[in-house]
Protein backbone atom coordinates (compact mmCIF):
# COMPACT_ATOMS: atom_id res chain seq x y z
CA MET A 1 0.00 0.00 0.00
CA GLY A 2 1.36 3.45 -0.96
CA SER A 3 2.05 6.30 1.41
CA LEU A 4 -0.74 8.64 2.49
CA LEU A 5 1.65 11.58 2.07
CA ARG A 6 1.51 14.00 -0.87
CA HIS A 7 4.65 15.97 -1.79
CA TYR A 8 4.81 19.46 -3.28
CA GLU A 9 7.76 21.74 -4.14
CA SER A 10 5.56 24.80 -4.68
CA LEU A 11 2.13 26.00 -3.61
CA PRO A 12 -0.66 24.26 -5.52
CA ASP A 13 -2.97 26.61 -7.43
CA GLY A 14 -5.84 27.85 -5.31
CA LEU A 15 -4.28 26.88 -1.99
CA LEU A 16 -4.08 30.41 -0.63
CA GLU A 17 -7.83 30.88 -1.18
CA ALA A 18 -8.95 27.42 0.00
CA ASP A 19 -11.23 26.93 2.97
CA PRO A 20 -10.08 24.13 5.33
CA ARG A 21 -13.01 22.01 4.12
CA GLN A 22 -11.71 22.23 0.53
CA LEU A 23 -8.17 21.06 1.22
CA ALA A 24 -8.77 17.32 0.84
CA ALA A 25 -10.07 17.80 -2.69
CA LEU A 26 -7.37 20.31 -3.59
CA LEU A 27 -4.36 18.48 -2.13
CA GLY A 28 -5.49 14.87 -2.39
CA GLY A 29 -4.45 14.02 1.18
CA PRO A 30 -2.05 15.02 3.94
CA SER A 31 0.68 17.10 2.30
CA LEU A 32 4.28 18.14 2.84
CA ILE A 33 5.12 21.34 0.94
CA HIS A 34 8.68 22.71 0.62
CA LEU A 35 9.20 26.35 -0.30
CA PRO A 36 12.63 27.98 -0.86
CA GLY A 37 13.83 31.00 1.09
CA ARG A 38 16.84 33.23 1.63
CA ARG A 39 18.07 31.13 4.56
CA GLU A 40 18.19 27.50 3.50
CA GLN A 41 17.58 25.80 6.85
CA PRO A 42 13.77 25.49 6.87
CA LEU A 43 11.20 26.49 9.44
CA PHE A 44 8.82 23.53 9.80
CA ILE A 45 5.14 24.37 10.44
CA SER A 46 2.41 21.78 10.94
CA VAL A 47 -1.30 22.61 10.93
CA LEU A 48 -4.59 20.70 11.00
CA LEU A 49 -3.25 17.67 12.86
CA HIS A 50 -6.74 17.95 14.31
CA GLY A 51 -9.10 18.66 11.43
CA ASN A 52 -11.37 21.03 13.33
CA GLU A 53 -8.51 23.21 14.66
CA THR A 54 -8.38 25.68 11.80
CA THR A 55 -6.51 28.65 13.29
CA GLY A 56 -3.11 27.31 12.19
CA TRP A 57 -4.21 26.90 8.58
CA LEU A 58 -5.79 30.37 8.42
CA ALA A 59 -2.69 31.94 10.00
CA LEU A 60 -0.41 30.10 7.58
CA GLN A 61 -2.55 31.15 4.62
CA SER A 62 -2.34 34.77 5.69
CA LEU A 63 1.43 34.50 6.21
CA LEU A 64 1.94 33.07 2.72
CA LYS A 65 -0.25 35.75 1.15
CA ARG A 66 1.92 38.36 2.87
CA HIS A 67 4.96 36.92 1.05
CA ARG A 68 3.24 36.07 -2.22
CA GLU A 69 5.27 38.51 -4.32
CA ARG A 70 8.62 38.32 -2.56
CA GLU A 71 11.26 35.85 -1.48
CA LEU A 72 10.68 34.16 1.86
CA PRO A 73 13.31 35.18 4.43
CA ARG A 74 13.76 31.49 5.29
CA ALA A 75 12.83 28.23 3.59
CA LEU A 76 9.54 26.74 4.77
CA SER A 77 8.42 23.13 5.07
CA LEU A 78 4.68 22.89 5.68
CA PHE A 79 2.79 19.81 6.81
CA ILE A 80 -0.97 20.06 6.33
CA GLY A 81 -2.37 17.15 8.31
CA ASN A 82 -5.83 15.64 8.63
CA VAL A 83 -7.51 17.22 5.63
CA GLU A 84 -10.12 14.44 5.49
CA ALA A 85 -11.35 15.27 8.98
CA ALA A 86 -11.15 18.98 8.12
CA SER A 87 -13.62 18.33 5.29
CA ASP A 88 -16.18 17.34 7.90
CA GLY A 89 -15.09 19.84 10.56
CA LEU A 90 -13.99 17.03 12.90
CA ARG A 91 -10.92 16.45 15.07
CA ARG A 92 -10.50 13.04 13.44
CA LEU A 93 -12.74 10.62 11.55
CA ALA A 94 -14.04 7.41 13.09
CA GLY A 95 -11.38 4.75 12.55
CA GLN A 96 -8.54 7.25 12.24
CA PRO A 97 -5.89 7.58 14.94
CA ASP A 98 -5.26 11.00 16.42
CA TYR A 99 -2.78 12.70 14.06
CA ASN A 100 -1.00 14.20 17.06
CA ARG A 101 -0.41 10.89 18.83
CA VAL A 102 1.28 8.86 16.07
CA TRP A 103 4.60 10.67 15.54
CA PRO A 104 7.88 8.83 16.30
CA GLY A 105 7.86 7.80 19.96
CA SER A 106 4.14 6.98 19.84
CA ASP A 107 2.52 4.27 21.96
CA TYR A 108 -0.06 3.66 19.21
CA PRO A 109 0.02 0.46 17.13
CA ASP A 110 1.30 0.50 13.58
CA SER A 111 -0.94 2.24 11.04
CA PRO A 112 -0.64 4.04 7.69
CA GLU A 113 -0.82 7.34 9.60
CA LYS A 114 2.00 6.33 11.93
CA ARG A 115 4.17 5.34 8.97
CA MET A 116 3.36 8.67 7.30
CA MET A 117 4.55 10.66 10.32
CA GLN A 118 7.77 8.64 10.34
CA GLU A 119 8.18 9.53 6.65
CA VAL A 120 7.69 13.25 7.37
CA PHE A 121 10.20 13.01 10.23
CA ASP A 122 12.78 11.21 8.07
CA ILE A 123 12.46 13.78 5.26
CA MET A 124 12.81 16.68 7.67
CA GLN A 125 15.75 15.07 9.44
CA GLN A 126 17.59 15.24 6.12
CA ARG A 127 16.60 18.91 5.70
CA ARG A 128 17.83 19.88 9.20
CA PRO A 129 15.01 22.19 10.32
CA PHE A 130 15.84 25.46 12.05
CA ALA A 131 12.76 25.20 14.30
CA SER A 132 9.39 23.46 14.39
CA VAL A 133 5.99 24.94 15.26
CA ASP A 134 2.78 22.89 15.53
CA VAL A 135 -0.32 25.11 15.71
CA HIS A 136 -3.41 24.04 17.65
CA ASN A 137 -6.67 25.27 19.14
CA ASN A 138 -8.36 24.04 22.28
CA THR A 139 -11.99 23.81 23.30
CA GLY A 140 -11.91 25.12 26.88
CA ILE A 141 -11.20 28.63 28.09
CA ASN A 142 -7.40 28.93 28.17
CA PRO A 143 -4.90 31.69 27.58
CA HIS A 144 -2.73 31.49 24.49
CA TYR A 145 0.32 29.46 25.53
CA ALA A 146 3.25 27.49 24.14
CA CYS A 147 4.21 23.92 25.02
CA ILE A 148 7.74 22.53 25.13
CA ASN A 149 8.97 18.98 25.65
CA ARG A 150 12.53 19.80 26.70
CA ILE A 151 13.82 22.16 29.36
CA ASP A 152 16.27 23.95 27.08
CA HIS A 153 17.01 27.68 26.88
CA ARG A 154 16.40 27.79 23.10
CA TYR A 155 12.97 26.19 23.48
CA LEU A 156 12.10 28.62 26.28
CA HIS A 157 13.18 31.61 24.20
CA LEU A 158 11.16 30.46 21.20
CA GLY A 159 8.13 29.79 23.39
CA SER A 160 8.37 33.16 25.11
CA MET A 161 8.09 34.86 21.71
CA PHE A 162 4.54 33.48 21.58
CA SER A 163 3.46 33.78 25.22
CA ARG A 164 4.82 34.33 28.70
CA THR A 165 2.80 31.22 29.67
CA LEU A 166 4.80 28.06 28.86
CA VAL A 167 3.88 24.45 29.61
CA TYR A 168 6.42 21.62 29.76
CA PHE A 169 5.09 18.10 29.18
CA ILE A 170 6.32 14.63 28.16
CA ARG A 171 2.91 12.89 28.05
CA PRO A 172 0.97 12.05 25.95
CA ALA A 173 3.59 10.38 23.75
CA GLY A 174 3.65 10.59 19.97
CA VAL A 175 3.03 14.33 19.65
CA GLN A 176 4.65 16.24 16.82
CA SER A 177 6.68 18.65 18.94
CA MET A 178 8.17 15.84 21.03
CA ALA A 179 9.31 13.99 17.91
CA PHE A 180 10.82 17.10 16.33
CA ALA A 181 12.58 18.05 19.58
CA GLN A 182 15.13 15.43 18.47
CA LEU A 183 15.90 17.65 15.45
CA CYS A 184 15.53 21.30 16.52
CA PRO A 185 13.81 23.64 18.98
CA ALA A 186 10.16 22.58 18.76
CA LEU A 187 6.92 24.07 20.09
CA THR A 188 3.23 23.41 20.18
CA VAL A 189 1.33 26.70 20.28
CA GLU A 190 -2.22 26.76 21.66
CA CYS A 191 -4.20 29.62 20.14
CA GLY A 192 -7.46 29.51 22.10
CA LYS A 193 -10.80 28.55 20.61
CA VAL A 194 -11.49 28.10 16.89
CA GLY A 195 -13.00 31.05 15.05
CA GLN A 196 -11.40 33.83 17.07
CA SER A 197 -9.62 36.37 14.87
CA ALA A 198 -7.27 37.25 17.75
CA GLY A 199 -5.94 33.69 17.73
CA GLU A 200 -5.38 33.73 13.98
CA GLU A 201 -3.60 37.10 14.12
CA HIS A 202 -1.45 36.02 17.08
CA ALA A 203 -0.43 32.78 15.33
CA GLU A 204 0.39 34.60 12.09
CA GLU A 205 2.51 37.24 13.82
CA PHE A 206 4.40 34.54 15.72
CA LEU A 207 5.07 32.49 12.57
CA HIS A 208 6.15 35.69 10.79
CA ALA A 209 8.60 36.42 13.63
CA CYS A 210 9.98 32.85 13.49
CA LEU A 211 10.47 33.16 9.75
CA HIS A 212 12.64 36.26 10.28
CA LEU A 213 14.85 34.84 13.06
CA SER A 214 18.49 34.38 12.16
CA GLU A 215 19.20 32.37 15.32
CA ILE A 216 17.53 31.30 18.57
CA PRO A 217 19.29 32.49 21.75
CA ASP A 218 20.66 29.83 24.09
CA HIS A 219 21.21 32.02 27.17
CA PRO A 220 18.78 31.79 30.13
CA VAL A 221 15.36 33.43 29.83
CA ALA A 222 14.74 36.07 32.48
CA ALA A 223 12.53 34.66 35.24
CA HIS A 224 10.18 37.68 35.08
CA ASP A 225 9.55 37.09 31.37
CA VAL A 226 7.83 33.69 31.59
CA ASP A 227 5.56 31.57 33.75
CA LEU A 228 6.63 27.94 33.31
CA PHE A 229 4.31 25.09 34.27
CA HIS A 230 4.78 21.34 34.18
CA THR A 231 1.98 18.98 33.14
CA VAL A 232 2.04 16.28 35.80
CA ALA A 233 -1.11 14.28 35.01
CA ILE A 234 -3.78 13.58 32.37
CA VAL A 235 -7.41 13.36 33.54
CA ARG A 236 -9.88 11.08 31.74
CA VAL A 237 -13.50 10.04 32.30
CA PRO A 238 -13.87 6.24 32.12
CA ARG A 239 -16.25 5.07 29.39
CA ASN A 240 -18.55 3.32 31.86
CA TYR A 241 -19.58 6.63 33.48
CA SER A 242 -22.05 9.11 32.06
CA PHE A 243 -21.24 12.78 32.60
CA GLY A 244 -22.76 16.19 32.13
CA PHE A 245 -22.42 19.79 33.28
CA GLY A 246 -24.50 22.06 35.48
CA GLU A 247 -27.79 20.38 36.40
CA GLN A 248 -27.74 17.46 33.97
CA PRO A 249 -28.66 14.03 35.39
CA ALA A 250 -25.51 11.88 35.05
CA ASP A 251 -23.16 9.70 37.06
CA ILE A 252 -20.77 12.67 37.13
CA CYS A 253 -22.25 16.15 36.91
CA PHE A 254 -19.37 18.59 36.60
CA ILE A 255 -19.79 22.24 37.53
CA ASP A 256 -21.11 24.19 34.55
CA ASP A 257 -18.10 26.46 34.26
CA LEU A 258 -15.43 23.76 34.60
CA ASP A 259 -13.39 25.22 31.74
CA HIS A 260 -13.14 28.55 33.58
CA LEU A 261 -10.79 26.81 36.04
CA ASN A 262 -8.00 26.47 33.46
CA PHE A 263 -4.73 28.14 34.48
CA ARG A 264 -6.22 29.05 37.87
CA GLU A 265 -4.60 27.70 41.03
CA LEU A 266 -7.33 25.75 42.84
CA PRO A 267 -7.12 25.20 46.60
CA ALA A 268 -7.49 21.84 48.29
CA GLY A 269 -11.18 21.11 48.79
CA ALA A 270 -12.42 22.77 45.58
CA THR A 271 -15.59 21.07 44.25
CA LEU A 272 -15.54 19.91 40.63
CA ALA A 273 -18.60 17.65 40.35
CA GLN A 274 -21.64 16.12 42.03
CA LEU A 275 -21.83 12.33 41.85
CA ASP A 276 -24.90 10.11 41.57
CA GLY A 277 -24.43 6.66 43.05
CA VAL A 278 -20.78 6.46 42.08
CA GLN A 279 -18.58 4.19 44.19
CA GLY A 280 -14.96 5.30 44.51
CA LEU A 281 -13.15 7.87 42.40
CA PRO A 282 -14.80 8.24 38.97
CA LEU A 283 -11.80 9.69 37.14
CA GLU A 284 -8.69 8.10 35.66
CA VAL A 285 -5.64 10.24 36.40
CA SER A 286 -2.28 9.14 34.97
CA ASP A 287 1.11 10.64 35.73
CA GLU A 288 4.06 10.87 33.32
CA GLN A 289 4.99 7.23 33.96
CA GLY A 290 1.42 6.04 33.37
CA ASN A 291 0.71 5.38 37.05
CA ASP A 292 -2.81 5.85 38.44
CA VAL A 293 -2.56 8.89 40.71
CA ALA A 294 -6.24 9.86 41.02
CA ALA A 295 -6.18 9.61 44.83
CA GLN A 296 -3.30 12.09 45.00
CA TYR A 297 -5.44 14.81 43.45
CA PHE A 298 -9.12 14.00 44.08
CA ARG A 299 -11.40 12.59 46.76
CA VAL A 300 -15.12 11.90 47.10
CA GLU A 301 -16.88 13.55 50.04
CA ASP A 302 -20.68 13.65 50.52
CA ASP A 303 -21.19 12.67 46.85
CA MET A 304 -18.99 15.55 45.75
CA LEU A 305 -15.77 15.24 43.77
CA ARG A 306 -13.21 17.52 45.39
CA THR A 307 -9.51 18.29 45.08
CA THR A 308 -7.24 16.85 47.78
CA ARG A 309 -4.47 19.38 47.18
CA ALA A 310 -3.80 22.68 45.47
CA LEU A 311 -3.51 22.18 41.69
CA MET A 312 -3.84 24.01 38.38
CA PRO A 313 -5.91 22.55 35.52
CA SER A 314 -5.30 23.20 31.83
CA MET A 315 -7.42 22.39 28.79
CA PHE A 316 -10.42 21.30 30.88
CA THR A 317 -13.20 21.25 28.30
CA LEU A 318 -17.00 20.99 28.09
CA ASP A 319 -16.82 19.30 24.67
CA GLU A 320 -18.14 15.76 25.09
CA ARG A 321 -16.55 14.49 21.86
CA VAL A 322 -13.09 15.74 22.90
CA ILE A 323 -13.52 14.26 26.39
CA ARG A 324 -14.45 10.85 24.95
CA GLN A 325 -11.83 10.86 22.16
CA ASP A 326 -8.99 12.35 24.17
CA CYS A 327 -9.30 13.57 27.77
CA LEU A 328 -11.07 15.91 30.19
CA GLY A 329 -7.87 17.94 30.64
CA TYR A 330 -4.52 18.12 32.40
CA LEU A 331 -3.11 18.99 35.82
CA MET A 332 -0.09 21.23 36.18
CA GLU A 333 2.28 22.63 38.76
CA ARG A 334 4.83 25.45 38.59
CA TYR A 335 8.28 24.51 37.33
CA PRO A 336 11.59 26.27 38.13
CA LEU A 337 13.44 27.88 35.25
CA PRO A 338 16.94 26.60 34.49
CA GLN A 339 19.46 29.36 35.06
CA SER A 340 22.64 27.88 33.60
CA ASP A 341 23.74 25.66 30.75
CA GLU A 342 24.23 22.86 33.26
CA ALA A 343 20.51 22.92 34.16
């Protein structure tokens, strides 16, 4: 069976005017596009790894239109991901793996998509990327922030160009930025909810700035310039429990503004949900090693789900499809900045 990947050495006709839902027909599938620039070492940008997260594509389109009549300051390699799902406005289609969980290092079983991501990685390894940026949206209420997978001054500098809020994580495995961290400074940027012009403008300006960088500093970032957090656990709702928000009848009825808790430091004893006949803790909480750590963070008291310790959520969402396909959200704690090259 042939590769899913399409290759282009120039922009296909009509691409700069195409709506995300038109990309599958225009490109024929997930596509890797190489464009020349004044500096040969390419900036790698990936968009639409989740088909309904369109901000990255719209920002990239706008960036390319800005340079339509002039030489790019740096070569670009563009990966346009799950165009099939984008056609239907979905994160992924039924039967597809998550396009941001099957990059090298993934825990997922072999699949055509996993082989495709290995192919993209191998091609880019030969091209020695200058930096890598993977653009995403999220469904809850979150600030714009950048994610890194290595505590490295260059990664911190690059991330701080996008936001003073930085998140370090090593789980889940198989994400694009973690794979490309083997090749170059790599980021995931989270641009808020889909459809917000502020997110599209912010992403475009950041990509424009990356394109014009001659180098990425490797000296320490000033502590007052960034807030660095560490994702310590992933929170999931087991499939055998029903859930809702507000006053909905369900095994787990979360508070109606759960996503307003993101990037807020919650005290011990904060109430997250009311439970109906649930025995034991109704959440799966996994740490970076995959251990079940639910009891470290949550307890049940008088049919209420409460925090056992101070914690900070991120990406908590009210989107049932995202919760079922991926997770409810993440738990974070503050992380000290490295202050020397030995850190």
